[in-house]
Amino acid sequence: MTSLPWPSDETGRLQELRELHVLDVVLEGDFRAIAEVVAYVCRTPIGVVNLMDADYQHFKGRHGIDLTGIGRRQMSFCSYAIRGRDVLEVHDAQADERFRRDPAVQGEPYMRFYAGAPIVTTRGHALGAVFAADHRPRRLRSEQRRILSTLAAGVAHLAELHHHARRAELVEHRLRHLEELKNQFLRTVNHELRTPLTSIRSYLQLVQDGDLDETTEQKFLRVIDRNSARLGELLDRLLLIASLNARTVPFTPASADLAELARQAAGSLAERARAGELTMTVHAPAPVMACADPVQARYAIEQLLDNAVKFTPPGGRVEIVVHAGSAPAVEVRDTGVGIDPGEIDRVREDFYRGAGAEERAIGGAGIGLSLAEKIARMHGGDVQIDSRPGHGTRVRLTLPGPHAVPAVRR
């Protein structure tokens, strides 16, 4: 094995690792869940969340591998992975001069395949890597590589959230608020990850048993694919909210037709609305121009529609109304369960789920309205909420007019 590479930012990387207290045991349960997702998404027997200090590798989340939790840094795969910012994929370690004499290749766990995504913080340091491994050579699909990168970003986001919560412990009232929010986030994300993951594991076991006819097997594979997509969507949303908070999300405002964006958003939710026995209508004179990033604006509208569909009982209505003018807007109205007045402001917070969602066991990570509002404010717009329990909800997304100067990211 050749001498191990060292990142050019090693001093700053180790300093941030210490400042974040990410080697504490607090987040190990979450990292184990992420390691499970890595293994099942990448279809490998091994998934690991690995954090690296100056001398050791800390396997803080492990699935499918018997590790003590700490290993010498002489194992080389992740040392290479943290030097870059893309997924490092080693298709056959025995055929790669960098790794063929690695202890993990020559001995337990006899790794032949490795795919690792660096865990990069908002300050640009790689704390370690999230990796999948196998005992035989293989290759990942592009979708699997993308999800692996998203999972690594999620680990960095979790570490940073934990760091901020730790600092807030100095202020008692802020501590109570953050503790409640953190617990809600962990419960929600854990449930949202484990529900599709359990389904994937169950159906995958049935397929692997090999006693199914071809029609049933294809049906089960479609279920596995749907749940994999659901995991990918959730992780994409978590990555987006992290990017919005860090002000690193791509933002290219231009002249955009809100009427067309509203129709596209409604189309993407139409099947779910039909499945929920809802009537969805779009009132959109064309065109209604605004100064907006069309990708981000459509995504914000989709989040509002997603909430409306989720919280409206069967037989209800969801309406999308597009308003022209100097401050063009998209208004989403529903006949759903409504929001308690005391929760109107809290539902804008990251990961907050109202009492109604908990009581009715309505799924979701509690970030739809937060995402929509952050996107609106990035444009220089706003989100207004008008709601009463039992009388539905009206959410108005306002964006700058077509002749406005493009907003500066705030």
Protein backbone atom coordinates (compact mmCIF):
# COMPACT_ATOMS: atom_id res chain seq x y z
CA MET A 1 0.00 0.00 0.00
CA THR A 2 1.34 3.43 -0.96
CA SER A 3 1.70 6.15 1.70
CA LEU A 4 -1.66 7.60 2.67
CA PRO A 5 -2.71 10.98 1.27
CA TRP A 6 -3.49 13.85 3.66
CA PRO A 7 -6.08 16.54 2.90
CA SER A 8 -4.63 19.99 2.26
CA ASP A 9 -6.97 21.42 4.92
CA GLU A 10 -6.08 18.82 7.57
CA THR A 11 -5.50 21.37 10.36
CA GLY A 12 -8.80 23.17 9.81
CA ARG A 13 -10.61 19.87 9.29
CA LEU A 14 -9.46 18.50 12.66
CA GLN A 15 -10.33 21.77 14.38
CA GLU A 16 -13.89 21.68 13.07
CA LEU A 17 -14.19 18.01 14.02
CA ARG A 18 -13.37 18.99 17.60
CA GLU A 19 -15.64 22.06 17.59
CA LEU A 20 -18.62 20.11 16.36
CA HIS A 21 -18.18 17.41 19.04
CA VAL A 22 -19.26 15.02 16.32
CA LEU A 23 -17.34 12.13 17.86
CA ASP A 24 -19.71 12.14 20.85
CA VAL A 25 -22.12 9.22 21.15
CA VAL A 26 -25.28 11.37 20.89
CA LEU A 27 -25.84 10.87 17.17
CA GLU A 28 -24.77 7.24 16.85
CA GLY A 29 -28.35 5.97 16.66
CA ASP A 30 -29.04 8.25 13.70
CA PHE A 31 -25.77 7.29 12.02
CA ARG A 32 -26.67 3.60 12.35
CA ALA A 33 -29.97 4.28 10.57
CA ILE A 34 -28.12 6.10 7.79
CA ALA A 35 -25.64 3.20 7.48
CA GLU A 36 -28.61 0.84 6.99
CA VAL A 37 -30.01 3.10 4.27
CA VAL A 38 -26.60 3.18 2.55
CA ALA A 39 -26.42 -0.61 2.41
CA TYR A 40 -29.95 -1.07 1.07
CA VAL A 41 -29.82 1.77 -1.45
CA CYS A 42 -26.46 0.62 -2.81
CA ARG A 43 -27.46 -3.07 -2.60
CA THR A 44 -24.29 -3.90 -0.68
CA PRO A 45 -23.87 -5.97 2.49
CA ILE A 46 -21.94 -3.18 4.23
CA GLY A 47 -22.80 0.43 5.02
CA VAL A 48 -20.75 2.67 7.31
CA VAL A 49 -20.64 6.27 8.58
CA ASN A 50 -16.93 6.86 9.21
CA LEU A 51 -15.46 9.94 10.92
CA MET A 52 -11.70 10.48 10.88
CA ASP A 53 -9.46 12.29 13.35
CA ALA A 54 -5.68 12.61 13.16
CA ASP A 55 -4.94 8.99 14.04
CA TYR A 56 -8.14 6.98 14.01
CA GLN A 57 -11.24 6.17 12.01
CA HIS A 58 -14.42 6.22 14.10
CA PHE A 59 -17.11 3.94 12.69
CA LYS A 60 -20.03 5.81 14.23
CA GLY A 61 -22.72 4.07 12.17
CA ARG A 62 -22.31 0.46 11.06
CA HIS A 63 -24.42 -2.05 9.17
CA GLY A 64 -23.39 -5.52 8.02
CA ILE A 65 -19.88 -5.37 9.45
CA ASP A 66 -18.37 -6.37 12.80
CA LEU A 67 -16.17 -3.43 13.80
CA THR A 68 -15.21 -2.30 17.29
CA GLY A 69 -16.11 1.30 16.45
CA ILE A 70 -12.53 2.63 16.14
CA GLY A 71 -9.81 1.65 13.68
CA ARG A 72 -6.34 2.87 12.81
CA ARG A 73 -6.21 5.46 10.05
CA GLN A 74 -3.90 3.14 8.10
CA MET A 75 -7.00 1.75 6.37
CA SER A 76 -6.73 3.82 3.21
CA PHE A 77 -10.09 3.99 1.42
CA CYS A 78 -11.63 6.88 3.37
CA SER A 79 -8.28 8.70 3.51
CA TYR A 80 -8.56 9.02 -0.27
CA ALA A 81 -12.30 9.78 -0.17
CA ILE A 82 -11.96 12.84 2.09
CA ARG A 83 -9.43 14.47 -0.24
CA GLY A 84 -12.07 14.99 -2.93
CA ARG A 85 -15.66 16.22 -3.02
CA ASP A 86 -17.17 13.53 -5.27
CA VAL A 87 -17.93 9.89 -4.64
CA LEU A 88 -14.80 7.73 -4.67
CA GLU A 89 -15.69 4.40 -6.28
CA VAL A 90 -13.23 1.49 -6.29
CA HIS A 91 -14.71 -1.24 -8.44
CA ASP A 92 -12.14 -3.93 -7.59
CA ALA A 93 -9.67 -3.13 -4.80
CA GLN A 94 -7.45 -6.11 -5.65
CA ALA A 95 -6.86 -4.61 -9.09
CA ASP A 96 -6.09 -1.14 -7.72
CA GLU A 97 -2.49 -0.47 -6.72
CA ARG A 98 -3.61 2.05 -4.09
CA PHE A 99 -5.67 -0.49 -2.16
CA ARG A 100 -4.64 -4.02 -3.04
CA ARG A 101 -2.45 -4.34 0.10
CA ASP A 102 -4.87 -2.52 2.39
CA PRO A 103 -5.57 -4.45 5.64
CA ALA A 104 -9.30 -4.32 4.90
CA VAL A 105 -8.69 -5.98 1.52
CA GLN A 106 -6.19 -8.64 2.58
CA GLY A 107 -8.05 -9.47 5.80
CA GLU A 108 -11.42 -8.90 7.43
CA PRO A 109 -13.77 -7.69 6.06
CA TYR A 110 -12.10 -8.68 2.70
CA MET A 111 -13.40 -5.63 0.83
CA ARG A 112 -13.29 -5.73 -2.97
CA PHE A 113 -15.72 -2.91 -3.73
CA TYR A 114 -15.84 0.51 -2.05
CA ALA A 115 -17.93 3.63 -2.75
CA GLY A 116 -17.47 6.54 -0.35
CA ALA A 117 -18.92 10.06 -0.31
CA PRO A 118 -17.10 12.68 1.78
CA ILE A 119 -19.02 14.23 4.70
CA VAL A 120 -18.47 17.89 3.84
CA THR A 121 -19.58 20.65 6.21
CA THR A 122 -20.77 24.11 5.23
CA ARG A 123 -17.24 25.34 6.00
CA GLY A 124 -15.90 23.00 3.32
CA HIS A 125 -14.09 20.45 5.51
CA ALA A 126 -14.55 16.69 5.08
CA LEU A 127 -15.11 15.09 8.49
CA GLY A 128 -15.04 11.56 7.11
CA ALA A 129 -17.00 9.49 4.61
CA VAL A 130 -20.25 7.59 4.24
CA PHE A 131 -19.43 4.41 2.35
CA ALA A 132 -20.87 1.21 0.96
CA ALA A 133 -18.70 -1.89 0.55
CA ASP A 134 -18.96 -5.39 -0.83
CA HIS A 135 -16.89 -8.57 -0.82
CA ARG A 136 -17.04 -8.75 -4.62
CA PRO A 137 -16.33 -6.28 -7.45
CA ARG A 138 -19.27 -4.17 -8.66
CA ARG A 139 -20.39 -0.72 -9.87
CA LEU A 140 -23.00 1.74 -8.65
CA ARG A 141 -25.70 3.29 -10.79
CA SER A 142 -25.70 7.08 -11.10
CA GLU A 143 -28.83 7.28 -8.91
CA GLN A 144 -27.12 5.30 -6.16
CA ARG A 145 -24.09 7.62 -6.30
CA ARG A 146 -26.37 10.64 -6.01
CA ILE A 147 -28.21 9.22 -2.98
CA LEU A 148 -24.90 8.29 -1.35
CA SER A 149 -23.76 11.92 -1.70
CA THR A 150 -27.08 13.11 -0.26
CA LEU A 151 -26.71 10.81 2.72
CA ALA A 152 -23.21 12.14 3.38
CA ALA A 153 -24.59 15.70 3.24
CA GLY A 154 -27.28 14.62 5.69
CA VAL A 155 -24.63 13.37 8.13
CA ALA A 156 -22.84 16.73 7.95
CA HIS A 157 -26.13 18.53 8.48
CA LEU A 158 -26.96 16.36 11.50
CA ALA A 159 -23.53 17.03 12.98
CA GLU A 160 -23.93 20.77 12.52
CA LEU A 161 -27.45 20.73 13.97
CA HIS A 162 -26.14 18.90 17.02
CA HIS A 163 -23.35 21.46 17.37
CA HIS A 164 -25.76 24.37 17.32
CA ALA A 165 -28.03 22.64 19.84
CA ARG A 166 -25.03 22.10 22.11
CA ARG A 167 -24.10 25.79 22.04
CA ALA A 168 -27.71 26.78 22.73
CA GLU A 169 -27.59 24.84 26.01
CA LEU A 170 -26.05 27.97 27.55
CA VAL A 171 -29.44 29.66 27.36
CA GLU A 172 -32.17 27.81 29.28
CA HIS A 173 -35.27 28.83 27.35
CA ARG A 174 -33.48 28.29 24.01
CA LEU A 175 -32.35 24.88 25.18
CA ARG A 176 -35.93 23.77 25.81
CA HIS A 177 -37.02 24.93 22.39
CA LEU A 178 -34.12 23.30 20.54
CA GLU A 179 -34.45 20.08 22.51
CA GLU A 180 -38.08 19.82 21.55
CA LEU A 181 -37.29 20.61 17.94
CA LYS A 182 -34.40 18.14 17.82
CA ASN A 183 -36.52 15.34 19.29
CA GLN A 184 -39.29 16.04 16.81
CA PHE A 185 -36.79 16.06 13.95
CA LEU A 186 -35.24 12.75 15.02
CA ARG A 187 -38.63 11.08 15.53
CA THR A 188 -39.96 12.30 12.23
CA VAL A 189 -36.91 11.57 10.09
CA ASN A 190 -36.37 8.23 11.80
CA HIS A 191 -39.96 7.26 10.98
CA GLU A 192 -39.79 8.63 7.46
CA LEU A 193 -36.58 6.69 6.80
CA ARG A 194 -37.55 3.47 8.52
CA THR A 195 -41.02 3.05 7.03
CA PRO A 196 -39.81 2.72 3.39
CA LEU A 197 -36.66 0.97 4.57
CA THR A 198 -38.68 -1.72 6.36
CA SER A 199 -40.78 -2.19 3.24
CA ILE A 200 -37.65 -2.47 1.08
CA ARG A 201 -36.13 -5.04 3.41
CA SER A 202 -39.31 -7.14 3.56
CA TYR A 203 -39.97 -7.22 -0.17
CA LEU A 204 -36.29 -7.70 -0.96
CA GLN A 205 -36.21 -10.76 1.30
CA LEU A 206 -39.22 -12.22 -0.49
CA VAL A 207 -37.57 -11.63 -3.86
CA GLN A 208 -34.29 -13.12 -2.66
CA ASP A 209 -36.09 -16.24 -1.40
CA GLY A 210 -36.83 -16.97 -5.05
CA ASP A 211 -40.28 -18.57 -4.62
CA LEU A 212 -42.21 -15.92 -6.56
CA ASP A 213 -43.65 -16.07 -10.05
CA GLU A 214 -42.37 -13.46 -12.48
CA THR A 215 -45.47 -11.23 -12.25
CA THR A 216 -45.35 -11.08 -8.46
CA GLU A 217 -41.61 -10.54 -8.45
CA GLN A 218 -41.94 -7.57 -10.81
CA LYS A 219 -44.70 -6.16 -8.63
CA PHE A 220 -42.48 -6.42 -5.54
CA LEU A 221 -39.56 -4.83 -7.38
CA ARG A 222 -41.79 -1.90 -8.29
CA VAL A 223 -42.68 -1.49 -4.61
CA ILE A 224 -38.96 -1.54 -3.75
CA ASP A 225 -38.29 1.05 -6.44
CA ARG A 226 -41.09 3.33 -5.17
CA ASN A 227 -39.80 3.19 -1.64
CA SER A 228 -36.23 3.81 -2.80
CA ALA A 229 -37.53 6.87 -4.66
CA ARG A 230 -39.33 7.99 -1.50
CA LEU A 231 -36.07 7.78 0.44
CA GLY A 232 -34.30 9.71 -2.29
CA GLU A 233 -36.98 12.44 -2.26
CA LEU A 234 -36.75 12.81 1.52
CA LEU A 235 -32.98 13.04 1.42
CA ASP A 236 -33.16 15.56 -1.44
CA ARG A 237 -35.47 17.72 0.69
CA LEU A 238 -33.14 17.50 3.67
CA LEU A 239 -30.22 18.47 1.45
CA LEU A 240 -32.19 21.39 -0.03
CA ILE A 241 -33.14 22.80 3.37
CA ALA A 242 -29.50 22.51 4.44
CA SER A 243 -28.46 24.38 1.26
CA LEU A 244 -31.10 27.05 1.81
CA ASN A 245 -29.96 27.56 5.40
CA ALA A 246 -26.36 27.74 4.21
CA ARG A 247 -27.34 30.06 1.31
CA THR A 248 -25.59 27.80 -1.18
CA VAL A 249 -28.61 26.66 -3.21
CA PRO A 250 -28.44 27.47 -6.96
CA PHE A 251 -30.45 30.65 -7.64
CA THR A 252 -30.95 32.05 -11.13
CA PRO A 253 -33.85 34.53 -11.23
CA ALA A 254 -35.34 35.38 -14.61
CA SER A 255 -38.70 36.16 -16.16
CA ALA A 256 -40.97 33.20 -15.30
CA ASP A 257 -44.64 32.42 -15.91
CA LEU A 258 -46.25 31.61 -12.55
CA ALA A 259 -49.39 30.34 -14.27
CA GLU A 260 -47.42 27.69 -16.14
CA LEU A 261 -45.39 26.79 -13.04
CA ALA A 262 -48.61 26.39 -11.05
CA ARG A 263 -50.07 24.07 -13.71
CA GLN A 264 -46.88 22.00 -13.75
CA ALA A 265 -46.90 21.75 -9.96
CA ALA A 266 -50.54 20.70 -9.97
CA GLY A 267 -49.78 18.06 -12.57
CA SER A 268 -47.06 16.58 -10.40
CA LEU A 269 -49.54 16.20 -7.50
CA ALA A 270 -52.59 15.19 -9.57
CA GLU A 271 -52.22 11.45 -9.08
CA ARG A 272 -51.90 11.80 -5.33
CA ALA A 273 -54.95 14.06 -5.23
CA ARG A 274 -57.00 11.49 -7.15
CA ALA A 275 -55.81 8.72 -4.85
CA GLY A 276 -56.96 10.83 -1.90
CA GLU A 277 -60.37 11.43 -3.55
CA LEU A 278 -59.75 15.15 -3.80
CA THR A 279 -60.82 17.66 -6.42
CA MET A 280 -57.92 19.79 -7.60
CA THR A 281 -58.48 22.86 -9.79
CA VAL A 282 -56.15 25.52 -11.17
CA HIS A 283 -57.31 29.09 -11.81
CA ALA A 284 -54.41 30.61 -13.71
CA PRO A 285 -54.75 33.30 -16.38
CA ALA A 286 -51.82 32.96 -18.72
CA PRO A 287 -49.30 34.34 -18.53
CA VAL A 288 -48.60 35.78 -15.06
CA MET A 289 -45.00 36.85 -15.17
CA ALA A 290 -42.68 37.20 -12.17
CA CYS A 291 -38.98 37.64 -11.52
CA ALA A 292 -38.16 34.15 -10.25
CA ASP A 293 -35.93 31.13 -10.51
CA PRO A 294 -38.40 28.78 -12.25
CA VAL A 295 -36.98 25.60 -10.69
CA GLN A 296 -37.07 26.93 -7.13
CA ALA A 297 -40.43 28.69 -7.58
CA ARG A 298 -42.12 25.55 -8.90
CA TYR A 299 -40.65 23.54 -6.03
CA ALA A 300 -42.06 26.03 -3.51
CA ILE A 301 -45.53 25.73 -5.08
CA GLU A 302 -45.26 21.94 -4.99
CA GLN A 303 -44.52 22.08 -1.25
CA LEU A 304 -47.67 24.11 -0.63
CA LEU A 305 -49.73 21.70 -2.74
CA ASP A 306 -48.18 18.70 -1.03
CA ASN A 307 -49.30 20.04 2.36
CA ALA A 308 -52.78 20.82 1.07
CA VAL A 309 -53.24 17.30 -0.35
CA LYS A 310 -51.82 15.71 2.81
CA PHE A 311 -54.08 17.59 5.24
CA THR A 312 -57.34 17.50 3.27
CA PRO A 313 -59.68 14.56 3.98
CA PRO A 314 -61.27 12.54 1.13
CA GLY A 315 -63.99 14.42 -0.71
CA GLY A 316 -62.30 17.78 -0.13
CA ARG A 317 -61.02 20.41 -2.54
CA VAL A 318 -57.66 21.93 -3.33
CA GLU A 319 -57.57 25.10 -5.44
CA ILE A 320 -54.59 26.90 -6.94
CA VAL A 321 -55.24 30.55 -7.81
CA VAL A 322 -52.60 32.63 -9.61
CA HIS A 323 -52.81 36.41 -9.13
CA ALA A 324 -51.28 38.93 -11.52
CA GLY A 325 -50.06 42.39 -10.57
CA SER A 326 -47.00 44.23 -9.30
CA ALA A 327 -46.53 41.45 -6.70
CA PRO A 328 -47.68 38.28 -8.49
CA ALA A 329 -48.72 35.44 -6.22
CA VAL A 330 -49.80 31.82 -6.15
CA GLU A 331 -52.49 31.02 -3.62
CA VAL A 332 -53.22 27.45 -2.51
CA ARG A 333 -56.56 26.91 -0.79
CA ASP A 334 -57.86 23.71 0.73
CA THR A 335 -60.82 22.43 2.73
CA GLY A 336 -58.55 20.50 5.08
CA VAL A 337 -58.18 20.19 8.83
CA GLY A 338 -56.72 23.67 9.28
CA ILE A 339 -54.06 24.96 11.66
CA ASP A 340 -54.48 26.02 15.26
CA PRO A 341 -53.83 29.78 15.70
CA GLY A 342 -51.06 29.08 18.19
CA GLU A 343 -49.20 27.02 15.59
CA ILE A 344 -49.34 29.40 12.61
CA ASP A 345 -45.83 30.71 13.25
CA ARG A 346 -44.37 27.40 14.40
CA VAL A 347 -45.35 25.52 11.22
CA ARG A 348 -42.83 27.71 9.40
CA GLU A 349 -39.98 26.27 11.49
CA ASP A 350 -37.70 23.55 10.17
CA PHE A 351 -39.00 20.06 11.05
CA TYR A 352 -41.94 21.29 13.14
CA ARG A 353 -45.02 19.05 12.91
CA GLY A 354 -48.28 20.35 14.30
CA ALA A 355 -50.43 18.49 16.79
CA GLY A 356 -52.92 17.67 14.01
CA ALA A 357 -50.27 15.84 12.00
CA GLU A 358 -49.22 13.79 15.02
CA GLU A 359 -52.80 12.95 16.07
CA ARG A 360 -53.83 11.89 12.56
CA ALA A 361 -50.52 10.07 11.87
CA ILE A 362 -50.00 12.16 8.72
CA GLY A 363 -46.57 11.50 7.26
CA GLY A 364 -43.96 14.08 6.43
CA ALA A 365 -40.77 15.60 7.79
CA GLY A 366 -42.31 18.95 8.76
CA ILE A 367 -40.31 21.02 6.28
CA GLY A 368 -42.75 21.80 3.43
CA LEU A 369 -43.83 25.26 4.59
CA SER A 370 -40.32 26.04 5.78
CA LEU A 371 -38.90 25.20 2.34
CA ALA A 372 -41.54 27.31 0.57
CA GLU A 373 -40.92 30.31 2.82
CA LYS A 374 -37.13 30.12 2.54
CA ILE A 375 -37.42 29.99 -1.27
CA ALA A 376 -39.85 32.93 -1.27
CA ARG A 377 -37.54 35.04 0.90
CA MET A 378 -34.55 34.12 -1.26
CA HIS A 379 -36.47 35.84 -4.08
CA GLY A 380 -37.44 38.83 -1.92
CA GLY A 381 -41.00 37.50 -1.60
CA ASP A 382 -43.05 36.09 1.26
CA VAL A 383 -45.46 33.38 2.39
CA GLN A 384 -48.66 34.27 4.23
CA ILE A 385 -50.85 31.73 6.02
CA ASP A 386 -54.54 32.09 6.88
CA SER A 387 -56.13 29.09 8.56
CA ARG A 388 -58.69 27.95 11.13
CA PRO A 389 -59.14 24.45 12.54
CA GLY A 390 -61.86 22.64 10.62
CA HIS A 391 -62.18 25.41 8.01
CA GLY A 392 -59.21 24.77 5.75
CA THR A 393 -56.08 26.72 4.97
CA ARG A 394 -55.06 29.43 2.52
CA VAL A 395 -51.35 29.93 1.82
CA ARG A 396 -50.22 32.77 -0.44
CA LEU A 397 -46.76 32.70 -2.03
CA THR A 398 -45.78 36.17 -3.26
CA LEU A 399 -42.85 36.84 -5.60
CA PRO A 400 -41.39 40.00 -7.19
CA GLY A 401 -42.91 41.36 -10.38
CA PRO A 402 -41.30 40.75 -13.78
CA HIS A 403 -39.54 44.11 -13.82
CA ALA A 404 -38.08 43.81 -10.32
CA VAL A 405 -34.34 43.80 -9.78
CA PRO A 406 -33.32 40.17 -9.04
CA ALA A 407 -33.19 39.58 -5.31
CA VAL A 408 -29.88 39.34 -3.51
CA ARG A 409 -29.59 36.11 -1.53
CA ARG A 410 -30.34 36.86 2.15
